[in-house]
Amino acid sequence: MQYAVTHAFLDSVRGGKFEPAYARFAAVTSVALIAPAWHQRSLSASGFFEDFTFGVLGQLQNSLLNEFSPNLQKLGRNVRKKVLWK
């Protein structure tokens, strides 16, 4: 879990090293700035930080799902077998 959380905003580069994923930071910030116009509301500091926080949490969620999807799929198959065969 620690790997998935710490690498949510890192990108691999040549040589097997990691660096900050600048595009992800830019995307989350851009969405937080554009969202008020899309939802027809005024831009405010609290609204920006709310949208920014949801963007960051979305990145964390994607990272965790990517890391644990094989385990979740295996769990789902086991549950399905038990439910369908009883």
PDB file of N, CA and C in Angstrom:
ATOM      1  N   MET A   1       0.830  -1.177   0.000  1.00  0.00           N
ATOM      2  CA  MET A   1       0.000   0.000   0.000  1.00  0.00           C
ATOM      3  C   MET A   1       0.883   1.252   0.000  1.00  0.00           C
ATOM      4  N   GLN A   2       1.963   1.201   0.749  1.00  0.00           N
ATOM      5  CA  GLN A   2       2.862   2.354   0.811  1.00  0.00           C
ATOM      6  C   GLN A   2       3.446   2.651  -0.568  1.00  0.00           C
ATOM      7  N   TYR A   3       3.796   1.615  -1.314  1.00  0.00           N
ATOM      8  CA  TYR A   3       4.346   1.813  -2.651  1.00  0.00           C
ATOM      9  C   TYR A   3       3.329   2.515  -3.552  1.00  0.00           C
ATOM     10  N   ALA A   4       2.089   2.046  -3.524  1.00  0.00           N
ATOM     11  CA  ALA A   4       1.058   2.629  -4.382  1.00  0.00           C
ATOM     12  C   ALA A   4       0.796   4.083  -4.024  1.00  0.00           C
ATOM     13  N   VAL A   5       0.759   4.396  -2.741  1.00  0.00           N
ATOM     14  CA  VAL A   5       0.497   5.773  -2.318  1.00  0.00           C
ATOM     15  C   VAL A   5       1.670   6.679  -2.656  1.00  0.00           C
ATOM     16  N   THR A   6       2.890   6.216  -2.411  1.00  0.00           N
ATOM     17  CA  THR A   6       4.039   7.079  -2.671  1.00  0.00           C
ATOM     18  C   THR A   6       4.302   7.252  -4.161  1.00  0.00           C
ATOM     19  N   HIS A   7       3.882   6.286  -4.984  1.00  0.00           N
ATOM     20  CA  HIS A   7       4.133   6.392  -6.414  1.00  0.00           C
ATOM     21  C   HIS A   7       2.942   6.946  -7.194  1.00  0.00           C
ATOM     22  N   ALA A   8       1.917   7.407  -6.510  1.00  0.00           N
ATOM     23  CA  ALA A   8       0.757   7.984  -7.197  1.00  0.00           C
ATOM     24  C   ALA A   8       1.147   9.226  -7.987  1.00  0.00           C
ATOM     25  N   PHE A   9       2.139   9.951  -7.528  1.00  0.00           N
ATOM     26  CA  PHE A   9       2.558  11.172  -8.205  1.00  0.00           C
ATOM     27  C   PHE A   9       4.006  11.101  -8.670  1.00  0.00           C
ATOM     28  N   LEU A  10       4.485   9.893  -8.896  1.00  0.00           N
ATOM     29  CA  LEU A  10       5.829   9.707  -9.439  1.00  0.00           C
ATOM     30  C   LEU A  10       5.711   9.015 -10.788  1.00  0.00           C
ATOM     31  N   ASP A  11       6.676   9.287 -11.641  1.00  0.00           N
ATOM     32  CA  ASP A  11       6.719   8.675 -12.955  1.00  0.00           C
ATOM     33  C   ASP A  11       8.087   8.053 -13.154  1.00  0.00           C
ATOM     34  N   SER A  12       8.132   6.891 -13.766  1.00  0.00           N
ATOM     35  CA  SER A  12       9.426   6.241 -13.987  1.00  0.00           C
ATOM     36  C   SER A  12      10.127   6.874 -15.186  1.00  0.00           C
ATOM     37  N   VAL A  13      11.428   6.989 -15.074  1.00  0.00           N
ATOM     38  CA  VAL A  13      12.260   7.538 -16.146  1.00  0.00           C
ATOM     39  C   VAL A  13      13.328   6.511 -16.482  1.00  0.00           C
ATOM     40  N   ARG A  14      14.118   6.820 -17.467  1.00  0.00           N
ATOM     41  CA  ARG A  14      15.183   5.900 -17.871  1.00  0.00           C
ATOM     42  C   ARG A  14      16.108   5.603 -16.709  1.00  0.00           C
ATOM     43  N   GLY A  15      16.573   4.384 -16.678  1.00  0.00           N
ATOM     44  CA  GLY A  15      17.478   3.978 -15.612  1.00  0.00           C
ATOM     45  C   GLY A  15      16.750   3.442 -14.398  1.00  0.00           C
ATOM     46  N   GLY A  16      15.421   3.290 -14.482  1.00  0.00           N
ATOM     47  CA  GLY A  16      14.661   2.743 -13.369  1.00  0.00           C
ATOM     48  C   GLY A  16      14.452   3.701 -12.210  1.00  0.00           C
ATOM     49  N   LYS A  17      14.695   4.977 -12.443  1.00  0.00           N
ATOM     50  CA  LYS A  17      14.502   5.967 -11.381  1.00  0.00           C
ATOM     51  C   LYS A  17      13.119   6.589 -11.507  1.00  0.00           C
ATOM     52  N   PHE A  18      12.744   7.288 -10.466  1.00  0.00           N
ATOM     53  CA  PHE A  18      11.447   7.966 -10.445  1.00  0.00           C
ATOM     54  C   PHE A  18      11.661   9.455 -10.246  1.00  0.00           C
ATOM     55  N   GLU A  19      10.756  10.231 -10.856  1.00  0.00           N
ATOM     56  CA  GLU A  19      10.761  11.682 -10.666  1.00  0.00           C
ATOM     57  C   GLU A  19       9.312  12.129 -10.538  1.00  0.00           C
ATOM     58  N   PRO A  20       9.088  13.334 -10.028  1.00  0.00           N
ATOM     59  CA  PRO A  20       7.706  13.805  -9.899  1.00  0.00           C
ATOM     60  C   PRO A  20       6.992  13.785 -11.250  1.00  0.00           C
ATOM     61  N   ALA A  21       5.742  13.402 -11.231  1.00  0.00           N
ATOM     62  CA  ALA A  21       4.929  13.355 -12.453  1.00  0.00           C
ATOM     63  C   ALA A  21       4.315  14.735 -12.660  1.00  0.00           C
ATOM     64  N   TYR A  22       5.067  15.593 -13.301  1.00  0.00           N
ATOM     65  CA  TYR A  22       4.655  16.985 -13.470  1.00  0.00           C
ATOM     66  C   TYR A  22       3.341  17.111 -14.223  1.00  0.00           C
ATOM     67  N   ALA A  23       3.104  16.237 -15.183  1.00  0.00           N
ATOM     68  CA  ALA A  23       1.855  16.299 -15.946  1.00  0.00           C
ATOM     69  C   ALA A  23       0.650  16.026 -15.051  1.00  0.00           C
ATOM     70  N   ARG A  24       0.785  15.112 -14.103  1.00  0.00           N
ATOM     71  CA  ARG A  24      -0.328  14.831 -13.186  1.00  0.00           C
ATOM     72  C   ARG A  24      -0.606  16.026 -12.287  1.00  0.00           C
ATOM     73  N   PHE A  25       0.459  16.665 -11.792  1.00  0.00           N
ATOM     74  CA  PHE A  25       0.263  17.869 -10.980  1.00  0.00           C
ATOM     75  C   PHE A  25      -0.424  18.961 -11.802  1.00  0.00           C
ATOM     76  N   ALA A  26       0.018  19.139 -13.037  1.00  0.00           N
ATOM     77  CA  ALA A  26      -0.578  20.157 -13.899  1.00  0.00           C
ATOM     78  C   ALA A  26      -2.036  19.827 -14.205  1.00  0.00           C
ATOM     79  N   ALA A  27      -2.332  18.554 -14.442  1.00  0.00           N
ATOM     80  CA  ALA A  27      -3.705  18.154 -14.758  1.00  0.00           C
ATOM     81  C   ALA A  27      -4.640  18.376 -13.579  1.00  0.00           C
ATOM     82  N   VAL A  28      -4.216  17.994 -12.395  1.00  0.00           N
ATOM     83  CA  VAL A  28      -5.062  18.176 -11.215  1.00  0.00           C
ATOM     84  C   VAL A  28      -5.303  19.663 -10.956  1.00  0.00           C
ATOM     85  N   THR A  29      -4.259  20.464 -11.091  1.00  0.00           N
ATOM     86  CA  THR A  29      -4.393  21.905 -10.886  1.00  0.00           C
ATOM     87  C   THR A  29      -5.282  22.527 -11.958  1.00  0.00           C
ATOM     88  N   SER A  30      -5.101  22.128 -13.202  1.00  0.00           N
ATOM     89  CA  SER A  30      -5.919  22.671 -14.292  1.00  0.00           C
ATOM     90  C   SER A  30      -7.391  22.338 -14.107  1.00  0.00           C
ATOM     91  N   VAL A  31      -7.659  21.111 -13.731  1.00  0.00           N
ATOM     92  CA  VAL A  31      -9.052  20.715 -13.508  1.00  0.00           C
ATOM     93  C   VAL A  31      -9.665  21.525 -12.369  1.00  0.00           C
ATOM     94  N   ALA A  32      -8.896  21.750 -11.320  1.00  0.00           N
ATOM     95  CA  ALA A  32      -9.411  22.528 -10.190  1.00  0.00           C
ATOM     96  C   ALA A  32      -9.696  23.975 -10.599  1.00  0.00           C
ATOM     97  N   LEU A  33      -8.956  24.485 -11.561  1.00  0.00           N
ATOM     98  CA  LEU A  33      -9.198  25.855 -12.037  1.00  0.00           C
ATOM     99  C   LEU A  33     -10.336  25.923 -13.051  1.00  0.00           C
ATOM    100  N   ILE A  34     -10.535  24.868 -13.832  1.00  0.00           N
ATOM    101  CA  ILE A  34     -11.564  24.862 -14.876  1.00  0.00           C
ATOM    102  C   ILE A  34     -12.922  24.430 -14.335  1.00  0.00           C
ATOM    103  N   ALA A  35     -12.953  23.615 -13.302  1.00  0.00           N
ATOM    104  CA  ALA A  35     -14.207  23.060 -12.773  1.00  0.00           C
ATOM    105  C   ALA A  35     -15.252  24.116 -12.434  1.00  0.00           C
ATOM    106  N   PRO A  36     -14.884  25.240 -11.819  1.00  0.00           N
ATOM    107  CA  PRO A  36     -15.928  26.232 -11.523  1.00  0.00           C
ATOM    108  C   PRO A  36     -16.640  26.750 -12.778  1.00  0.00           C
ATOM    109  N   ALA A  37     -15.934  26.957 -13.854  1.00  0.00           N
ATOM    110  CA  ALA A  37     -16.570  27.419 -15.091  1.00  0.00           C
ATOM    111  C   ALA A  37     -17.505  26.341 -15.636  1.00  0.00           C
ATOM    112  N   TRP A  38     -17.081  25.092 -15.534  1.00  0.00           N
ATOM    113  CA  TRP A  38     -17.900  23.988 -16.028  1.00  0.00           C
ATOM    114  C   TRP A  38     -19.191  23.864 -15.222  1.00  0.00           C
ATOM    115  N   HIS A  39     -19.091  24.057 -13.908  1.00  0.00           N
ATOM    116  CA  HIS A  39     -20.260  23.928 -13.033  1.00  0.00           C
ATOM    117  C   HIS A  39     -20.975  25.247 -12.817  1.00  0.00           C
ATOM    118  N   GLN A  40     -20.572  26.275 -13.543  1.00  0.00           N
ATOM    119  CA  GLN A  40     -21.185  27.598 -13.493  1.00  0.00           C
ATOM    120  C   GLN A  40     -21.236  28.159 -12.081  1.00  0.00           C
ATOM    121  N   ARG A  41     -20.073  28.218 -11.461  1.00  0.00           N
ATOM    122  CA  ARG A  41     -19.939  28.832 -10.142  1.00  0.00           C
ATOM    123  C   ARG A  41     -18.676  29.678 -10.153  1.00  0.00           C
ATOM    124  N   SER A  42     -18.564  30.552  -9.192  1.00  0.00           N
ATOM    125  CA  SER A  42     -17.395  31.436  -9.169  1.00  0.00           C
ATOM    126  C   SER A  42     -16.183  30.700  -8.592  1.00  0.00           C
ATOM    127  N   LEU A  43     -15.011  31.148  -9.016  1.00  0.00           N
ATOM    128  CA  LEU A  43     -13.763  30.566  -8.532  1.00  0.00           C
ATOM    129  C   LEU A  43     -13.445  31.162  -7.167  1.00  0.00           C
ATOM    130  N   SER A  44     -13.245  30.299  -6.186  1.00  0.00           N
ATOM    131  CA  SER A  44     -12.877  30.742  -4.843  1.00  0.00           C
ATOM    132  C   SER A  44     -11.752  29.856  -4.334  1.00  0.00           C
ATOM    133  N   ALA A  45     -11.057  30.331  -3.331  1.00  0.00           N
ATOM    134  CA  ALA A  45      -9.941  29.564  -2.774  1.00  0.00           C
ATOM    135  C   ALA A  45     -10.432  28.250  -2.186  1.00  0.00           C
ATOM    136  N   SER A  46     -11.526  28.307  -1.447  1.00  0.00           N
ATOM    137  CA  SER A  46     -12.024  27.071  -0.832  1.00  0.00           C
ATOM    138  C   SER A  46     -12.511  26.093  -1.902  1.00  0.00           C
ATOM    139  N   GLY A  47     -13.166  26.590  -2.936  1.00  0.00           N
ATOM    140  CA  GLY A  47     -13.616  25.720  -4.019  1.00  0.00           C
ATOM    141  C   GLY A  47     -12.450  25.116  -4.781  1.00  0.00           C
ATOM    142  N   PHE A  48     -11.394  25.935  -5.004  1.00  0.00           N
ATOM    143  CA  PHE A  48     -10.204  25.430  -5.685  1.00  0.00           C
ATOM    144  C   PHE A  48      -9.567  24.306  -4.882  1.00  0.00           C
ATOM    145  N   PHE A  49      -9.384  24.509  -3.590  1.00  0.00           N
ATOM    146  CA  PHE A  49      -8.739  23.481  -2.773  1.00  0.00           C
ATOM    147  C   PHE A  49      -9.600  22.231  -2.638  1.00  0.00           C
ATOM    148  N   GLU A  50     -10.914  22.409  -2.663  1.00  0.00           N
ATOM    149  CA  GLU A  50     -11.803  21.251  -2.638  1.00  0.00           C
ATOM    150  C   GLU A  50     -11.635  20.432  -3.917  1.00  0.00           C
ATOM    151  N   ASP A  51     -11.680  21.099  -5.072  1.00  0.00           N
ATOM    152  CA  ASP A  51     -11.511  20.397  -6.342  1.00  0.00           C
ATOM    153  C   ASP A  51     -10.112  19.794  -6.462  1.00  0.00           C
ATOM    154  N   PHE A  52      -9.106  20.520  -5.985  1.00  0.00           N
ATOM    155  CA  PHE A  52      -7.736  20.022  -6.021  1.00  0.00           C
ATOM    156  C   PHE A  52      -7.600  18.767  -5.156  1.00  0.00           C
ATOM    157  N   THR A  53      -8.203  18.789  -3.968  1.00  0.00           N
ATOM    158  CA  THR A  53      -8.145  17.641  -3.060  1.00  0.00           C
ATOM    159  C   THR A  53      -8.824  16.425  -3.675  1.00  0.00           C
ATOM    160  N   PHE A  54      -9.990  16.633  -4.304  1.00  0.00           N
ATOM    161  CA  PHE A  54     -10.660  15.514  -4.960  1.00  0.00           C
ATOM    162  C   PHE A  54      -9.825  14.966  -6.111  1.00  0.00           C
ATOM    163  N   GLY A  55      -9.114  15.833  -6.821  1.00  0.00           N
ATOM    164  CA  GLY A  55      -8.231  15.374  -7.887  1.00  0.00           C
ATOM    165  C   GLY A  55      -7.086  14.537  -7.359  1.00  0.00           C
ATOM    166  N   VAL A  56      -6.496  14.973  -6.250  1.00  0.00           N
ATOM    167  CA  VAL A  56      -5.400  14.219  -5.633  1.00  0.00           C
ATOM    168  C   VAL A  56      -5.908  12.870  -5.137  1.00  0.00           C
ATOM    169  N   LEU A  57      -7.068  12.866  -4.505  1.00  0.00           N
ATOM    170  CA  LEU A  57      -7.633  11.604  -4.026  1.00  0.00           C
ATOM    171  C   LEU A  57      -7.959  10.669  -5.184  1.00  0.00           C
ATOM    172  N   GLY A  58      -8.370  11.227  -6.314  1.00  0.00           N
ATOM    173  CA  GLY A  58      -8.617  10.408  -7.500  1.00  0.00           C
ATOM    174  C   GLY A  58      -7.349   9.751  -7.999  1.00  0.00           C
ATOM    175  N   GLN A  59      -6.239  10.480  -7.970  1.00  0.00           N
ATOM    176  CA  GLN A  59      -4.955   9.904  -8.378  1.00  0.00           C
ATOM    177  C   GLN A  59      -4.542   8.781  -7.422  1.00  0.00           C
ATOM    178  N   LEU A  60      -4.751   8.996  -6.135  1.00  0.00           N
ATOM    179  CA  LEU A  60      -4.424   7.957  -5.149  1.00  0.00           C
ATOM    180  C   LEU A  60      -5.289   6.720  -5.360  1.00  0.00           C
ATOM    181  N   GLN A  61      -6.558   6.942  -5.625  1.00  0.00           N
ATOM    182  CA  GLN A  61      -7.479   5.830  -5.871  1.00  0.00           C
ATOM    183  C   GLN A  61      -7.030   5.030  -7.088  1.00  0.00           C
ATOM    184  N   ASN A  62      -6.679   5.709  -8.171  1.00  0.00           N
ATOM    185  CA  ASN A  62      -6.226   5.003  -9.371  1.00  0.00           C
ATOM    186  C   ASN A  62      -4.960   4.200  -9.100  1.00  0.00           C
ATOM    187  N   SER A  63      -4.048   4.782  -8.354  1.00  0.00           N
ATOM    188  CA  SER A  63      -2.802   4.085  -8.040  1.00  0.00           C
ATOM    189  C   SER A  63      -3.071   2.829  -7.210  1.00  0.00           C
ATOM    190  N   LEU A  64      -3.933   2.942  -6.220  1.00  0.00           N
ATOM    191  CA  LEU A  64      -4.264   1.786  -5.384  1.00  0.00           C
ATOM    192  C   LEU A  64      -4.983   0.703  -6.182  1.00  0.00           C
ATOM    193  N   LEU A  65      -5.903   1.101  -7.058  1.00  0.00           N
ATOM    194  CA  LEU A  65      -6.604   0.110  -7.873  1.00  0.00           C
ATOM    195  C   LEU A  65      -5.659  -0.576  -8.849  1.00  0.00           C
ATOM    196  N   ASN A  66      -4.726   0.164  -9.423  1.00  0.00           N
ATOM    197  CA  ASN A  66      -3.746  -0.452 -10.312  1.00  0.00           C
ATOM    198  C   ASN A  66      -2.873  -1.457  -9.562  1.00  0.00           C
ATOM    199  N   GLU A  67      -2.515  -1.117  -8.347  1.00  0.00           N
ATOM    200  CA  GLU A  67      -1.635  -1.991  -7.565  1.00  0.00           C
ATOM    201  C   GLU A  67      -2.354  -3.262  -7.117  1.00  0.00           C
ATOM    202  N   PHE A  68      -3.608  -3.137  -6.702  1.00  0.00           N
ATOM    203  CA  PHE A  68      -4.306  -4.259  -6.085  1.00  0.00           C
ATOM    204  C   PHE A  68      -5.365  -4.903  -6.973  1.00  0.00           C
ATOM    205  N   SER A  69      -5.493  -4.501  -8.228  1.00  0.00           N
ATOM    206  CA  SER A  69      -6.530  -5.088  -9.077  1.00  0.00           C
ATOM    207  C   SER A  69      -6.370  -6.587  -9.281  1.00  0.00           C
ATOM    208  N   PRO A  70      -5.162  -7.131  -9.441  1.00  0.00           N
ATOM    209  CA  PRO A  70      -5.078  -8.602  -9.564  1.00  0.00           C
ATOM    210  C   PRO A  70      -5.605  -9.323  -8.314  1.00  0.00           C
ATOM    211  N   ASN A  71      -5.296  -8.799  -7.147  1.00  0.00           N
ATOM    212  CA  ASN A  71      -5.788  -9.427  -5.913  1.00  0.00           C
ATOM    213  C   ASN A  71      -7.300  -9.297  -5.793  1.00  0.00           C
ATOM    214  N   LEU A  72      -7.843  -8.144  -6.181  1.00  0.00           N
ATOM    215  CA  LEU A  72      -9.288  -7.940  -6.105  1.00  0.00           C
ATOM    216  C   LEU A  72     -10.011  -8.825  -7.113  1.00  0.00           C
ATOM    217  N   GLN A  73      -9.424  -9.022  -8.295  1.00  0.00           N
ATOM    218  CA  GLN A  73     -10.036  -9.902  -9.284  1.00  0.00           C
ATOM    219  C   GLN A  73     -10.048 -11.346  -8.788  1.00  0.00           C
ATOM    220  N   LYS A  74      -8.972 -11.776  -8.176  1.00  0.00           N
ATOM    221  CA  LYS A  74      -8.909 -13.134  -7.638  1.00  0.00           C
ATOM    222  C   LYS A  74      -9.946 -13.309  -6.530  1.00  0.00           C
ATOM    223  N   LEU A  75     -10.059 -12.316  -5.662  1.00  0.00           N
ATOM    224  CA  LEU A  75     -11.065 -12.366  -4.598  1.00  0.00           C
ATOM    225  C   LEU A  75     -12.465 -12.441  -5.183  1.00  0.00           C
ATOM    226  N   GLY A  76     -12.728 -11.642  -6.215  1.00  0.00           N
ATOM    227  CA  GLY A  76     -14.040 -11.649  -6.862  1.00  0.00           C
ATOM    228  C   GLY A  76     -14.362 -12.995  -7.482  1.00  0.00           C
ATOM    229  N   ARG A  77     -13.377 -13.609  -8.123  1.00  0.00           N
ATOM    230  CA  ARG A  77     -13.600 -14.936  -8.711  1.00  0.00           C
ATOM    231  C   ARG A  77     -13.907 -15.969  -7.628  1.00  0.00           C
ATOM    232  N   ASN A  78     -13.190 -15.910  -6.515  1.00  0.00           N
ATOM    233  CA  ASN A  78     -13.436 -16.864  -5.426  1.00  0.00           C
ATOM    234  C   ASN A  78     -14.829 -16.674  -4.831  1.00  0.00           C
ATOM    235  N   VAL A  79     -15.233 -15.444  -4.638  1.00  0.00           N
ATOM    236  CA  VAL A  79     -16.568 -15.165  -4.096  1.00  0.00           C
ATOM    237  C   VAL A  79     -17.627 -15.640  -5.078  1.00  0.00           C
ATOM    238  N   ARG A  80     -17.413 -15.371  -6.356  1.00  0.00           N
ATOM    239  CA  ARG A  80     -18.373 -15.787  -7.388  1.00  0.00           C
ATOM    240  C   ARG A  80     -18.530 -17.299  -7.392  1.00  0.00           C
ATOM    241  N   LYS A  81     -17.433 -18.028  -7.309  1.00  0.00           N
ATOM    242  CA  LYS A  81     -17.506 -19.489  -7.297  1.00  0.00           C
ATOM    243  C   LYS A  81     -18.293 -19.985  -6.104  1.00  0.00           C
ATOM    244  N   LYS A  82     -18.050 -19.392  -4.949  1.00  0.00           N
ATOM    245  CA  LYS A  82     -18.744 -19.836  -3.744  1.00  0.00           C
ATOM    246  C   LYS A  82     -20.227 -19.506  -3.792  1.00  0.00           C
ATOM    247  N   VAL A  83     -20.572 -18.366  -4.346  1.00  0.00           N
ATOM    248  CA  VAL A  83     -21.978 -17.956  -4.407  1.00  0.00           C
ATOM    249  C   VAL A  83     -22.745 -18.777  -5.451  1.00  0.00           C
ATOM    250  N   LEU A  84     -22.149 -18.996  -6.602  1.00  0.00           N
ATOM    251  CA  LEU A  84     -22.845 -19.691  -7.674  1.00  0.00           C
ATOM    252  C   LEU A  84     -22.930 -21.191  -7.463  1.00  0.00           C
ATOM    253  N   TRP A  85     -22.022 -21.783  -6.736  1.00  0.00           N
ATOM    254  CA  TRP A  85     -22.009 -23.237  -6.576  1.00  0.00           C
ATOM    255  C   TRP A  85     -22.707 -23.706  -5.318  1.00  0.00           C
ATOM    256  N   LYS A  86     -23.248 -22.815  -4.553  1.00  0.00           N
ATOM    257  CA  LYS A  86     -23.982 -23.254  -3.339  1.00  0.00           C
ATOM    258  C   LYS A  86     -25.456 -23.115  -3.533  1.00  0.00           C
TER     259      LYS A  86
END
